[in-house]
Amino acid sequence: CLIHFYKRKMRVLALLFLAPLFLGACLAQKKVLVLLENVAVKETHSLYFSMLQRNGFTLTYKVADDPSITLKKYGEHIYDNIIVFAPTVEEFGGSLSAEAMMDFVDNGGNLLVTAGSVTGDVLREIASESGFEVDEDGTYVIDHHNFDTKDGGYHTRVISDAQNMVKSDLIVGTGKLPLLYEGTGLLTDPSNPLVMDILTGSSTAYTHNPSLPIKEYPHTVGKATVMIAGLQARNNARIVFSGSLEFFSDEFFQAEVDTGNGKLVPSGNFELAEALSLWCFKERGVLRVDGIQHSRVGEGSAPEFYTIREMVQFYIDVKEKVNGEWVPFKPTDMQLEFVRIDPFVRSTMHVAKSELIGTTFKIPDVYGVYQFKVNYQRLGLTRISTSTQVSVRPLRHNQYERFIVSAYPYYASAFSMMFGVFVFAFVFLYHSDETKKKTE
């Protein structure tokens, strides 16, 4: 009994010792630096910040030009995510700069930035490095057909329908309420596969300075008027760039929108802002590979090499982050490629075991060095790219078939030739013509 008591005591002490470490690790993964235009933004956007804290994020507030701002300590980044709610800032304080921001993204950090009708040069540089272009100062998104009743007369407080959002519930959620927007427009490059238009204007929207007459073609028109853009880099770092700071404000979160028939409905800004933030900060749409298995069919371990025409089974364990927990990811469109310079086999994987997806195929009749490759890219999800190299050898001399079916005609011709030679020799040796007797 005394031994069991000491064992239990040691377990409790171990848990008490390890609990702060696990808690610190969890908090370290959710550290957010919030750069503000001024201190008042913390009050005007309190609902948004409260939402982040409810989702487990630890927020550190700084004014954007604070000289004490630093991103690294002992060569490591202090924060995992950065929010910039300072549209007009010209230069960041401390050691922070546009180059430092891009280095932060290159190292896997996530970035959420808001611009405005007046946007500082440092934010324009960040946007340019991310694949976006912010419209000129003084411009707003204008829509004379879809504007809020509380608009000041310039039709810059526009209403965007939920149908103008990107078709991905992981990024924008499932909300269908109309959205309020007041800010500048963005322009994205449609040929850039990493950039996505998260929220666009309607077909009647455009960007221009509302106080000036239109003498030149607007910078963006119709669906090309992007309000919120996103990027997922090749290292799976994420950037969300909004042309409106007011979009995340308490006023817009609590506003009611007139849908045109005299009926007021709540705006969908809060739901979209929460979904965007969780996606941007990698609480949604995150995949990871926990393990890969491959072997001959019927065996359990990977061999030193494979032989041509063998049946092979391949399994991969993929997890998805859902509500903070890693659960099995079971897609129906993930494919495996068996590659030697070019793919020799491409097979769609299916749920094969309890938490694994896999497939079975026959190795081609070509030996060499191959790779099992899985390259999975879908909108809203982090990319999966794995490669496992294996050797494929030819058959040994004693593994070939004794008789090949396709060679039966040649076998027959050889034996028929031998039989013909035998008959010819027999006739030639043992047969002779009768000789005529000579008569005198």
Protein backbone atom coordinates (compact mmCIF):
# COMPACT_ATOMS: atom_id res chain seq x y z
CA CYS A 1 0.00 0.00 0.00
CA LEU A 2 2.83 2.34 0.85
CA ILE A 3 4.45 1.68 -2.52
CA HIS A 4 1.20 2.46 -4.35
CA PHE A 5 0.85 5.66 -2.33
CA TYR A 6 4.30 6.86 -3.38
CA LYS A 7 3.57 5.95 -7.01
CA ARG A 8 0.39 8.01 -7.00
CA LYS A 9 2.23 10.88 -5.35
CA MET A 10 4.93 10.80 -8.01
CA ARG A 11 2.30 10.84 -10.78
CA VAL A 12 0.59 13.86 -9.26
CA LEU A 13 3.90 15.71 -8.94
CA ALA A 14 4.76 14.85 -12.56
CA LEU A 15 1.41 16.19 -13.75
CA LEU A 16 1.85 19.38 -11.73
CA PHE A 17 5.30 19.82 -13.20
CA LEU A 18 4.32 19.14 -16.81
CA ALA A 19 1.02 21.04 -16.83
CA PRO A 20 2.65 24.51 -17.01
CA LEU A 21 4.87 23.29 -19.83
CA PHE A 22 1.90 22.05 -21.88
CA LEU A 23 -0.06 25.22 -21.09
CA GLY A 24 2.88 27.37 -22.13
CA ALA A 25 3.25 25.43 -25.37
CA CYS A 26 -0.44 25.92 -26.19
CA LEU A 27 -0.28 29.63 -25.44
CA ALA A 28 2.92 30.00 -27.42
CA GLN A 29 1.13 28.75 -30.50
CA LYS A 30 -1.51 31.50 -30.23
CA LYS A 31 0.48 34.65 -29.51
CA VAL A 32 -0.79 37.62 -31.52
CA LEU A 33 0.83 41.04 -31.90
CA VAL A 34 -1.80 43.74 -32.53
CA LEU A 35 -0.49 46.96 -34.10
CA LEU A 36 -3.00 49.81 -33.67
CA GLU A 37 -3.44 53.15 -35.40
CA ASN A 38 -4.00 54.65 -31.96
CA VAL A 39 -5.22 53.51 -28.57
CA ALA A 40 -8.83 54.34 -29.45
CA VAL A 41 -8.94 51.49 -31.98
CA LYS A 42 -8.81 49.04 -29.09
CA GLU A 43 -12.16 50.43 -27.91
CA THR A 44 -13.85 50.83 -31.31
CA HIS A 45 -12.95 47.24 -32.24
CA SER A 46 -13.40 45.63 -28.82
CA LEU A 47 -15.85 42.97 -30.04
CA TYR A 48 -13.33 41.68 -32.52
CA PHE A 49 -10.54 41.48 -29.95
CA SER A 50 -12.86 39.83 -27.42
CA MET A 51 -13.74 37.21 -30.01
CA LEU A 52 -10.05 36.39 -30.51
CA GLN A 53 -9.51 36.05 -26.78
CA ARG A 54 -12.50 33.70 -26.49
CA ASN A 55 -10.85 31.53 -29.14
CA GLY A 56 -7.74 31.21 -27.00
CA PHE A 57 -5.46 33.86 -28.53
CA THR A 58 -3.12 35.90 -26.35
CA LEU A 59 -3.08 39.50 -27.62
CA THR A 60 -0.25 42.00 -27.19
CA TYR A 61 -1.27 45.56 -28.11
CA LYS A 62 1.17 48.09 -29.51
CA VAL A 63 0.79 51.39 -31.32
CA ALA A 64 2.18 50.82 -34.82
CA ASP A 65 4.99 53.38 -34.46
CA ASP A 66 6.00 52.29 -30.94
CA PRO A 67 9.82 52.23 -30.86
CA SER A 68 9.81 49.20 -28.53
CA ILE A 69 8.29 46.85 -31.13
CA THR A 70 10.36 43.75 -31.80
CA LEU A 71 9.49 40.46 -33.47
CA LYS A 72 12.49 38.35 -32.51
CA LYS A 73 14.19 37.36 -29.31
CA TYR A 74 17.32 35.23 -29.30
CA GLY A 75 16.85 34.65 -33.02
CA GLU A 76 13.31 33.26 -32.64
CA HIS A 77 10.03 34.97 -33.47
CA ILE A 78 8.08 35.94 -30.37
CA TYR A 79 4.66 35.92 -32.04
CA ASP A 80 2.85 33.50 -34.31
CA ASN A 81 0.39 36.00 -35.79
CA ILE A 82 0.32 39.74 -36.45
CA ILE A 83 -2.70 42.03 -36.84
CA VAL A 84 -2.18 45.48 -38.35
CA PHE A 85 -5.07 47.86 -37.66
CA ALA A 86 -3.14 50.98 -38.66
CA PRO A 87 -4.01 51.96 -42.24
CA THR A 88 -2.25 55.34 -42.33
CA VAL A 89 1.04 54.36 -40.68
CA GLU A 90 4.01 55.37 -42.82
CA GLU A 91 6.69 53.51 -40.90
CA PHE A 92 6.57 50.93 -38.15
CA GLY A 93 8.38 51.51 -34.91
CA GLY A 94 11.34 49.63 -33.52
CA SER A 95 12.94 46.99 -35.72
CA LEU A 96 9.71 46.34 -37.62
CA SER A 97 9.57 47.03 -41.35
CA ALA A 98 8.00 45.63 -44.50
CA GLU A 99 11.05 43.40 -44.98
CA ALA A 100 10.73 42.14 -41.40
CA MET A 101 7.06 41.40 -42.03
CA MET A 102 7.87 39.35 -45.13
CA ASP A 103 10.62 37.53 -43.23
CA PHE A 104 8.02 36.76 -40.57
CA VAL A 105 5.75 35.27 -43.24
CA ASP A 106 8.64 33.35 -44.82
CA ASN A 107 9.19 31.70 -41.44
CA GLY A 108 5.58 30.53 -41.22
CA GLY A 109 3.95 33.51 -39.48
CA ASN A 110 0.45 34.71 -40.36
CA LEU A 111 -0.60 38.27 -41.13
CA LEU A 112 -3.93 40.12 -41.09
CA VAL A 113 -3.73 43.69 -42.41
CA THR A 114 -6.34 46.40 -42.94
CA ALA A 115 -5.89 49.36 -45.27
CA GLY A 116 -8.18 52.33 -45.90
CA SER A 117 -8.95 55.23 -48.18
CA VAL A 118 -5.58 56.59 -47.01
CA THR A 119 -2.96 53.87 -46.85
CA GLY A 120 0.62 54.27 -45.69
CA ASP A 121 3.59 53.36 -47.85
CA VAL A 122 4.70 50.51 -45.61
CA LEU A 123 1.33 48.77 -45.98
CA ARG A 124 1.40 49.31 -49.73
CA GLU A 125 4.80 47.64 -49.83
CA ILE A 126 3.49 44.68 -47.81
CA ALA A 127 0.52 44.41 -50.16
CA SER A 128 2.78 44.51 -53.21
CA GLU A 129 5.03 41.79 -51.78
CA SER A 130 1.95 39.68 -51.08
CA GLY A 131 0.47 39.91 -54.57
CA PHE A 132 -2.08 42.70 -53.99
CA GLU A 133 -2.28 46.30 -55.12
CA VAL A 134 -4.04 48.98 -53.05
CA ASP A 135 -5.89 51.72 -54.92
CA GLU A 136 -4.78 55.35 -54.76
CA ASP A 137 -5.29 57.49 -51.65
CA GLY A 138 -8.70 59.08 -51.37
CA THR A 139 -10.49 56.33 -53.29
CA TYR A 140 -13.41 54.30 -51.97
CA VAL A 141 -15.42 51.36 -53.19
CA ILE A 142 -18.58 52.96 -54.60
CA ASP A 143 -21.81 51.21 -55.50
CA HIS A 144 -24.84 53.29 -56.50
CA HIS A 145 -27.14 50.25 -56.45
CA ASN A 146 -26.05 48.52 -53.23
CA PHE A 147 -25.47 51.01 -50.42
CA ASP A 148 -26.60 51.34 -46.81
CA THR A 149 -29.37 53.71 -45.77
CA LYS A 150 -26.95 55.36 -43.31
CA ASP A 151 -24.62 56.31 -46.15
CA GLY A 152 -23.47 59.93 -46.24
CA GLY A 153 -24.54 60.48 -49.83
CA TYR A 154 -21.45 59.30 -51.70
CA HIS A 155 -22.58 55.65 -51.71
CA THR A 156 -19.31 54.52 -50.16
CA ARG A 157 -20.95 52.54 -47.35
CA VAL A 158 -21.71 49.63 -49.63
CA ILE A 159 -23.53 46.36 -49.05
CA SER A 160 -21.98 43.20 -50.42
CA ASP A 161 -23.98 40.02 -50.79
CA ALA A 162 -22.70 36.76 -49.33
CA GLN A 163 -22.61 35.33 -52.86
CA ASN A 164 -19.61 37.59 -53.55
CA MET A 165 -17.48 35.61 -51.10
CA VAL A 166 -15.04 32.89 -52.08
CA LYS A 167 -16.67 29.47 -52.24
CA SER A 168 -15.02 27.91 -49.22
CA ASP A 169 -16.68 27.41 -45.84
CA LEU A 170 -13.26 26.93 -44.24
CA ILE A 171 -12.30 30.51 -45.12
CA VAL A 172 -15.55 32.48 -44.85
CA GLY A 173 -17.77 30.21 -42.78
CA THR A 174 -21.39 29.42 -43.54
CA GLY A 175 -22.91 32.87 -42.95
CA LYS A 176 -25.35 34.16 -45.58
CA LEU A 177 -26.06 37.63 -44.17
CA PRO A 178 -25.21 40.79 -46.18
CA LEU A 179 -21.93 42.53 -45.37
CA LEU A 180 -21.16 46.20 -44.73
CA TYR A 181 -18.00 47.66 -46.20
CA GLU A 182 -16.47 51.13 -46.29
CA GLY A 183 -12.95 51.48 -47.57
CA THR A 184 -10.70 51.29 -50.58
CA GLY A 185 -10.46 48.58 -53.20
CA LEU A 186 -7.75 46.06 -53.98
CA LEU A 187 -6.52 44.63 -57.24
CA THR A 188 -5.20 41.07 -57.48
CA ASP A 189 -3.38 39.19 -60.19
CA PRO A 190 -5.66 36.41 -61.52
CA SER A 191 -2.65 34.51 -62.85
CA ASN A 192 -1.18 34.15 -59.33
CA PRO A 193 -2.31 30.73 -58.02
CA LEU A 194 -1.47 31.65 -54.42
CA VAL A 195 -3.79 34.68 -54.23
CA MET A 196 -7.56 34.44 -53.74
CA ASP A 197 -10.37 37.01 -53.86
CA ILE A 198 -12.16 36.44 -50.56
CA LEU A 199 -14.76 39.21 -50.90
CA THR A 200 -15.51 41.19 -54.05
CA GLY A 201 -17.93 43.94 -54.97
CA SER A 202 -21.04 43.45 -57.03
CA SER A 203 -21.13 43.99 -60.79
CA THR A 204 -22.11 47.65 -60.22
CA ALA A 205 -19.20 48.50 -57.88
CA TYR A 206 -16.09 50.49 -58.74
CA THR A 207 -13.34 52.43 -56.97
CA HIS A 208 -12.84 56.16 -57.28
CA ASN A 209 -12.51 59.33 -55.25
CA PRO A 210 -16.17 60.22 -54.51
CA SER A 211 -15.46 63.95 -54.36
CA LEU A 212 -13.88 64.12 -57.85
CA PRO A 213 -15.51 63.74 -61.27
CA ILE A 214 -14.68 60.59 -63.22
CA LYS A 215 -12.43 61.54 -66.14
CA GLU A 216 -10.50 58.28 -66.46
CA TYR A 217 -11.51 54.67 -66.31
CA PRO A 218 -11.65 53.53 -62.64
CA HIS A 219 -8.87 51.39 -61.29
CA THR A 220 -11.23 48.48 -60.56
CA VAL A 221 -14.74 47.85 -61.86
CA GLY A 222 -17.38 45.22 -61.09
CA LYS A 223 -16.25 41.84 -59.79
CA ALA A 224 -12.63 42.91 -60.21
CA THR A 225 -13.20 45.24 -57.24
CA VAL A 226 -11.70 43.19 -54.43
CA MET A 227 -12.54 44.20 -50.87
CA ILE A 228 -10.75 41.43 -48.97
CA ALA A 229 -7.97 39.34 -50.49
CA GLY A 230 -6.02 36.40 -49.15
CA LEU A 231 -2.83 34.51 -49.83
CA GLN A 232 -1.53 31.13 -48.75
CA ALA A 233 2.19 30.98 -49.35
CA ARG A 234 4.04 27.85 -50.43
CA ASN A 235 5.10 27.30 -46.81
CA ASN A 236 1.40 27.46 -45.81
CA ALA A 237 1.76 30.87 -44.13
CA ARG A 238 -1.41 32.92 -44.58
CA ILE A 239 -2.09 36.58 -45.25
CA VAL A 240 -5.47 38.34 -45.23
CA PHE A 241 -5.58 41.90 -46.56
CA SER A 242 -8.71 44.03 -46.13
CA GLY A 243 -9.27 47.44 -47.68
CA SER A 244 -11.42 48.54 -44.74
CA LEU A 245 -10.62 48.94 -41.05
CA GLU A 246 -14.29 49.74 -40.33
CA PHE A 247 -15.25 46.26 -41.52
CA PHE A 248 -13.96 44.88 -38.18
CA SER A 249 -15.42 47.66 -36.02
CA ASP A 250 -18.09 47.31 -33.34
CA GLU A 251 -20.33 49.67 -35.32
CA PHE A 252 -20.37 47.42 -38.37
CA PHE A 253 -20.63 44.26 -36.26
CA GLN A 254 -23.78 45.55 -34.56
CA ALA A 255 -25.26 47.32 -37.57
CA GLU A 256 -28.50 46.36 -39.28
CA VAL A 257 -28.69 46.28 -43.05
CA ASP A 258 -31.67 47.18 -45.21
CA THR A 259 -31.98 44.44 -47.79
CA GLY A 260 -34.12 46.62 -50.07
CA ASN A 261 -37.59 45.48 -49.09
CA GLY A 262 -37.73 47.57 -45.93
CA LYS A 263 -36.66 44.67 -43.73
CA LEU A 264 -33.63 45.16 -41.51
CA VAL A 265 -31.31 42.20 -40.93
CA PRO A 266 -28.09 42.02 -38.88
CA SER A 267 -24.87 42.39 -40.81
CA GLY A 268 -22.71 39.32 -41.34
CA ASN A 269 -19.47 41.16 -40.59
CA PHE A 270 -18.86 39.49 -37.25
CA GLU A 271 -19.33 35.95 -38.60
CA LEU A 272 -17.04 36.61 -41.56
CA ALA A 273 -14.42 38.34 -39.41
CA GLU A 274 -14.33 35.38 -37.01
CA ALA A 275 -14.11 32.80 -39.81
CA LEU A 276 -11.40 34.82 -41.59
CA SER A 277 -9.33 35.21 -38.44
CA LEU A 278 -9.53 31.54 -37.48
CA TRP A 279 -8.52 30.55 -41.01
CA CYS A 280 -5.74 33.13 -41.22
CA PHE A 281 -4.31 32.11 -37.83
CA LYS A 282 -4.43 28.40 -38.76
CA GLU A 283 -7.22 27.30 -36.50
CA ARG A 284 -9.11 26.08 -39.56
CA GLY A 285 -8.17 24.27 -42.72
CA VAL A 286 -4.87 22.89 -41.40
CA LEU A 287 -3.66 19.43 -42.42
CA ARG A 288 -0.69 17.43 -41.24
CA VAL A 289 0.77 14.04 -42.12
CA ASP A 290 1.32 11.78 -39.11
CA GLY A 291 2.75 8.80 -40.92
CA ILE A 292 3.29 6.91 -44.18
CA GLN A 293 3.29 3.15 -44.68
CA HIS A 294 4.11 1.09 -47.78
CA SER A 295 4.78 -2.60 -48.28
CA ARG A 296 4.06 -5.56 -50.50
CA VAL A 297 0.46 -6.73 -50.35
CA GLY A 298 0.13 -9.14 -47.46
CA GLU A 299 3.22 -7.87 -45.64
CA GLY A 300 3.41 -5.36 -42.82
CA SER A 301 6.79 -3.64 -43.17
CA ALA A 302 8.54 -1.77 -45.95
CA PRO A 303 11.03 -3.97 -47.83
CA GLU A 304 14.55 -2.99 -48.76
CA PHE A 305 13.54 -2.94 -52.42
CA TYR A 306 10.66 -3.90 -54.67
CA THR A 307 10.63 -6.07 -57.78
CA ILE A 308 8.85 -5.26 -61.01
CA ARG A 309 5.21 -6.40 -61.31
CA GLU A 310 4.76 -6.82 -57.55
CA MET A 311 1.52 -5.69 -55.87
CA VAL A 312 2.16 -2.80 -53.49
CA GLN A 313 -0.01 -1.18 -50.81
CA PHE A 314 0.44 2.45 -49.70
CA TYR A 315 -1.19 4.18 -46.72
CA ILE A 316 -0.96 7.74 -45.40
CA ASP A 317 -2.25 9.10 -42.09
CA VAL A 318 -3.57 12.66 -42.51
CA LYS A 319 -5.07 14.71 -39.68
CA GLU A 320 -7.15 17.90 -39.83
CA LYS A 321 -7.35 20.54 -37.11
CA VAL A 322 -10.99 20.93 -36.06
CA ASN A 323 -11.93 23.01 -33.02
CA GLY A 324 -8.41 22.75 -31.69
CA GLU A 325 -8.22 18.96 -32.01
CA TRP A 326 -6.60 16.77 -34.64
CA VAL A 327 -9.11 14.39 -36.22
CA PRO A 328 -8.67 11.96 -39.13
CA PHE A 329 -9.00 13.60 -42.53
CA LYS A 330 -10.81 11.39 -45.01
CA PRO A 331 -10.95 12.95 -48.48
CA THR A 332 -12.27 11.25 -51.59
CA ASP A 333 -10.01 13.04 -54.08
CA MET A 334 -6.47 12.53 -52.77
CA GLN A 335 -4.21 10.76 -55.26
CA LEU A 336 -0.93 8.85 -55.08
CA GLU A 337 1.64 9.03 -57.85
CA PHE A 338 4.38 6.45 -58.43
CA VAL A 339 7.00 8.54 -60.17
CA ARG A 340 10.21 7.86 -62.04
CA ILE A 341 10.85 11.24 -63.67
CA ASP A 342 7.22 11.04 -64.87
CA PRO A 343 4.29 9.34 -63.12
CA PHE A 344 3.97 5.67 -64.12
CA VAL A 345 0.98 5.12 -61.82
CA ARG A 346 -1.65 7.55 -60.57
CA SER A 347 -4.25 6.13 -58.21
CA THR A 348 -7.02 7.72 -56.12
CA MET A 349 -6.80 6.74 -52.47
CA HIS A 350 -9.72 5.72 -50.30
CA VAL A 351 -10.36 5.02 -46.63
CA ALA A 352 -8.61 1.71 -46.09
CA LYS A 353 -8.10 1.36 -42.35
CA SER A 354 -9.43 3.03 -39.21
CA GLU A 355 -7.61 6.34 -39.66
CA LEU A 356 -5.65 5.73 -42.85
CA ILE A 357 -6.32 6.30 -46.51
CA GLY A 358 -4.51 4.29 -49.14
CA THR A 359 -4.50 2.33 -52.34
CA THR A 360 -3.09 -0.82 -53.92
CA PHE A 361 -1.45 -1.03 -57.34
CA LYS A 362 0.91 -3.11 -59.43
CA ILE A 363 4.48 -1.92 -59.97
CA PRO A 364 5.15 -1.31 -63.69
CA ASP A 365 7.44 -3.59 -65.69
CA VAL A 366 10.21 -0.98 -65.67
CA TYR A 367 12.91 -1.02 -63.01
CA GLY A 368 14.65 2.03 -61.54
CA VAL A 369 14.41 4.50 -58.65
CA TYR A 370 10.83 5.57 -57.94
CA GLN A 371 9.04 7.84 -55.50
CA PHE A 372 5.68 7.57 -53.77
CA LYS A 373 4.35 11.14 -54.14
CA VAL A 374 1.29 12.74 -52.58
CA ASN A 375 0.64 16.34 -53.60
CA TYR A 376 -2.70 17.60 -52.30
CA GLN A 377 -3.81 21.22 -52.80
CA ARG A 378 -7.35 22.38 -52.17
CA LEU A 379 -8.88 25.81 -51.56
CA GLY A 380 -8.85 26.66 -47.86
CA LEU A 381 -6.60 23.77 -46.82
CA THR A 382 -2.88 23.76 -46.19
CA ARG A 383 -0.87 21.94 -48.82
CA ILE A 384 0.37 18.40 -48.38
CA SER A 385 3.47 17.35 -50.28
CA THR A 386 5.26 14.11 -49.39
CA SER A 387 7.83 12.03 -51.25
CA THR A 388 9.17 8.58 -50.32
CA GLN A 389 11.94 7.07 -52.46
CA VAL A 390 12.15 3.33 -53.17
CA SER A 391 14.13 1.08 -55.50
CA VAL A 392 12.55 -1.25 -58.04
CA ARG A 393 14.73 -4.11 -59.33
CA PRO A 394 14.28 -6.47 -62.30
CA LEU A 395 13.46 -10.14 -61.87
CA ARG A 396 16.25 -12.47 -60.80
CA HIS A 397 17.28 -15.21 -63.21
CA ASN A 398 15.25 -17.80 -61.31
CA GLN A 399 12.11 -15.65 -61.17
CA TYR A 400 11.34 -15.69 -64.86
CA GLU A 401 8.68 -18.08 -66.20
CA ARG A 402 9.91 -21.39 -67.57
CA PHE A 403 7.80 -21.06 -70.71
CA ILE A 404 6.37 -17.83 -72.01
CA VAL A 405 2.98 -18.12 -73.64
CA SER A 406 3.71 -15.48 -76.25
CA ALA A 407 6.76 -17.52 -77.35
CA TYR A 408 4.84 -20.72 -78.16
CA PRO A 409 5.00 -20.11 -81.95
CA TYR A 410 8.78 -19.86 -81.70
CA TYR A 411 8.92 -23.04 -79.62
CA ALA A 412 6.82 -24.81 -82.26
CA SER A 413 9.00 -23.58 -85.11
CA ALA A 414 12.17 -24.75 -83.33
CA PHE A 415 10.79 -28.22 -82.62
CA SER A 416 9.35 -28.52 -86.14
CA MET A 417 12.76 -27.61 -87.56
CA MET A 418 14.44 -30.27 -85.44
CA PHE A 419 11.85 -32.84 -86.48
CA GLY A 420 12.33 -31.90 -90.15
CA VAL A 421 16.10 -32.27 -89.90
CA PHE A 422 15.64 -35.67 -88.24
CA VAL A 423 13.31 -36.89 -91.01
CA PHE A 424 15.59 -35.55 -93.70
CA ALA A 425 18.64 -37.24 -92.15
CA PHE A 426 16.81 -40.54 -91.75
CA VAL A 427 15.60 -40.50 -95.36
CA PHE A 428 18.99 -39.43 -96.65
CA LEU A 429 20.86 -42.16 -94.77
CA TYR A 430 18.56 -45.14 -95.08
CA HIS A 431 16.80 -44.70 -98.37
CA SER A 432 18.34 -45.30 -101.80
CA ASP A 433 16.96 -45.72 -105.32
CA GLU A 434 17.00 -49.18 -106.99
CA THR A 435 19.85 -49.55 -109.49
CA LYS A 436 19.09 -50.80 -113.01
CA LYS A 437 20.82 -54.02 -114.07
CA LYS A 438 23.13 -53.72 -116.99
CA THR A 439 22.21 -55.95 -119.93
CA GLU A 440 24.77 -57.29 -122.29
